[in-house]
Amino acid sequence: MIRRHVVWLGLAIGLLSGCSEPPYPLPDRNATDVRAEEERLATLLPLELLGGPGTCKVRLLGRDGSSSFAWAHCEATGPGVVSGVSTPVRVDGDRVTQPGDGSAYSPSVRRMFPERLAEAVLGDDTRLRP
């Protein structure tokens, strides 16, 4: 009797996991165009996100036409000052959009990104970070 319940439980778990959606597909970081876009964003973002000089590590999450979706981790250092930000961003040409704070975070992420990417960002998918 117990063995039969274990078998049914295993089948149910297998069926449920088989129905789940695969993780959001990320661009191949070995591709020349992906590396070039990550480098472009890493140069653009410090001024936009930090308001001055700094360094950014960037993970390109996808593209749609002239829009790039990325996660940026940026740091500014100066005499006695260290600050930083780690955030998803949408870049349209040179215009950078980042999500709102607090209760505005989820709705703004949903406006900024395609649906599956927004869900991955909101699910705190650590694969998305540089």
Protein backbone atom coordinates (compact mmCIF):
# COMPACT_ATOMS: atom_id res chain seq x y z
CA MET A 1 0.00 0.00 0.00
CA ILE A 2 2.75 2.49 0.96
CA ARG A 3 4.78 1.50 -2.09
CA ARG A 4 1.82 2.32 -4.37
CA HIS A 5 1.50 5.80 -2.78
CA VAL A 6 5.21 6.42 -3.30
CA VAL A 7 4.90 5.43 -6.97
CA TRP A 8 1.90 7.75 -7.46
CA LEU A 9 3.68 10.58 -5.68
CA GLY A 10 6.72 10.11 -7.93
CA LEU A 11 4.53 10.14 -11.03
CA ALA A 12 2.72 13.29 -9.87
CA ILE A 13 5.99 15.09 -9.20
CA GLY A 14 7.34 14.03 -12.60
CA LEU A 15 4.21 15.24 -14.39
CA LEU A 16 4.21 18.57 -12.58
CA SER A 17 7.87 19.24 -13.26
CA GLY A 18 7.38 18.25 -16.90
CA CYS A 19 4.66 20.89 -17.25
CA SER A 20 6.73 23.72 -15.87
CA GLU A 21 8.16 26.25 -18.28
CA PRO A 22 11.91 26.06 -18.99
CA PRO A 23 14.05 28.86 -17.57
CA TYR A 24 14.27 32.10 -19.52
CA PRO A 25 16.85 31.57 -22.33
CA LEU A 26 19.84 33.90 -22.03
CA PRO A 27 21.97 35.11 -24.96
CA ASP A 28 25.25 33.25 -25.58
CA ARG A 29 27.97 35.37 -23.99
CA ASN A 30 30.53 33.90 -26.38
CA ALA A 31 28.78 35.48 -29.36
CA THR A 32 30.63 38.52 -30.72
CA ASP A 33 27.53 40.72 -30.88
CA VAL A 34 26.56 39.87 -27.28
CA ARG A 35 30.05 40.71 -26.00
CA ALA A 36 30.03 43.97 -27.97
CA GLU A 37 26.66 45.01 -26.53
CA GLU A 38 27.72 44.15 -22.97
CA GLU A 39 30.84 46.28 -23.44
CA ARG A 40 28.77 49.18 -24.85
CA LEU A 41 26.40 49.01 -21.89
CA ALA A 42 29.26 48.73 -19.38
CA THR A 43 30.61 52.02 -20.79
CA LEU A 44 27.23 53.78 -20.90
CA LEU A 45 25.74 52.74 -17.57
CA PRO A 46 28.09 54.21 -14.91
CA LEU A 47 27.14 57.78 -15.76
CA GLU A 48 23.45 56.89 -16.03
CA LEU A 49 23.17 54.75 -12.90
CA LEU A 50 25.83 56.30 -10.66
CA GLY A 51 25.70 59.89 -11.87
CA GLY A 52 29.45 59.89 -12.47
CA PRO A 53 32.49 57.74 -13.04
CA GLY A 54 32.53 54.11 -12.01
CA THR A 55 32.62 50.59 -13.37
CA CYS A 56 29.81 48.26 -14.38
CA LYS A 57 29.59 44.54 -14.96
CA VAL A 58 26.75 43.77 -17.32
CA ARG A 59 24.81 40.63 -18.28
CA LEU A 60 22.81 41.03 -21.49
CA LEU A 61 19.44 39.36 -20.96
CA GLY A 62 17.98 39.87 -24.40
CA ARG A 63 17.13 42.27 -27.20
CA ASP A 64 14.08 43.40 -29.07
CA GLY A 65 14.78 45.66 -32.03
CA SER A 66 16.81 48.61 -30.74
CA SER A 67 16.07 47.75 -27.08
CA SER A 68 18.56 45.88 -24.92
CA PHE A 69 17.60 44.26 -21.62
CA ALA A 70 20.37 43.71 -19.10
CA TRP A 71 21.32 43.36 -15.47
CA ALA A 72 23.98 45.81 -14.33
CA HIS A 73 26.14 45.78 -11.22
CA CYS A 74 27.88 49.15 -10.97
CA GLU A 75 30.26 50.60 -8.40
CA ALA A 76 31.62 54.09 -7.86
CA THR A 77 34.68 54.72 -5.76
CA GLY A 78 36.21 57.93 -4.63
CA PRO A 79 38.16 59.28 -1.68
CA GLY A 80 36.48 57.61 1.29
CA VAL A 81 33.36 56.75 -0.74
CA VAL A 82 32.16 53.44 -2.12
CA SER A 83 28.66 53.14 -3.55
CA GLY A 84 26.95 50.88 -5.98
CA VAL A 85 23.81 49.60 -7.57
CA SER A 86 22.71 46.22 -8.90
CA THR A 87 19.60 46.48 -11.05
CA PRO A 88 17.87 45.28 -14.19
CA VAL A 89 17.84 47.91 -16.94
CA ARG A 90 16.27 48.55 -20.30
CA VAL A 91 18.38 50.52 -22.76
CA ASP A 92 16.83 52.07 -25.86
CA GLY A 93 19.73 53.52 -27.82
CA ASP A 94 21.39 55.60 -25.09
CA ARG A 95 18.27 56.04 -22.93
CA VAL A 96 18.41 53.95 -19.75
CA THR A 97 15.33 52.91 -17.79
CA GLN A 98 15.55 51.23 -14.41
CA PRO A 99 12.72 49.96 -12.21
CA GLY A 100 11.10 52.00 -9.49
CA ASP A 101 11.74 51.43 -5.79
CA GLY A 102 9.58 49.67 -3.25
CA SER A 103 6.01 49.02 -4.35
CA ALA A 104 6.78 50.47 -7.81
CA TYR A 105 9.41 47.79 -8.52
CA SER A 106 7.18 44.95 -9.79
CA PRO A 107 4.87 47.06 -11.97
CA SER A 108 7.80 48.91 -13.53
CA VAL A 109 9.67 45.66 -14.28
CA ARG A 110 6.53 44.36 -16.00
CA ARG A 111 6.39 47.53 -18.15
CA MET A 112 10.11 47.48 -18.99
CA PHE A 113 10.59 43.86 -20.06
CA PRO A 114 8.89 41.19 -22.16
CA GLU A 115 6.61 39.01 -20.02
CA ARG A 116 8.87 35.94 -19.59
CA LEU A 117 11.91 38.09 -18.80
CA ALA A 118 9.92 40.18 -16.32
CA GLU A 119 8.85 36.98 -14.55
CA ALA A 120 12.47 35.77 -14.40
CA VAL A 121 13.62 39.13 -12.97
CA LEU A 122 10.82 39.17 -10.41
CA GLY A 123 11.58 35.56 -9.51
CA ASP A 124 15.09 36.73 -8.56
CA ASP A 125 16.75 34.38 -11.01
CA THR A 126 20.43 34.60 -10.03
CA ARG A 127 21.43 33.43 -13.54
CA LEU A 128 20.48 36.92 -14.73
CA ARG A 129 23.16 38.74 -12.74
CA PRO A 130 26.65 39.47 -14.08
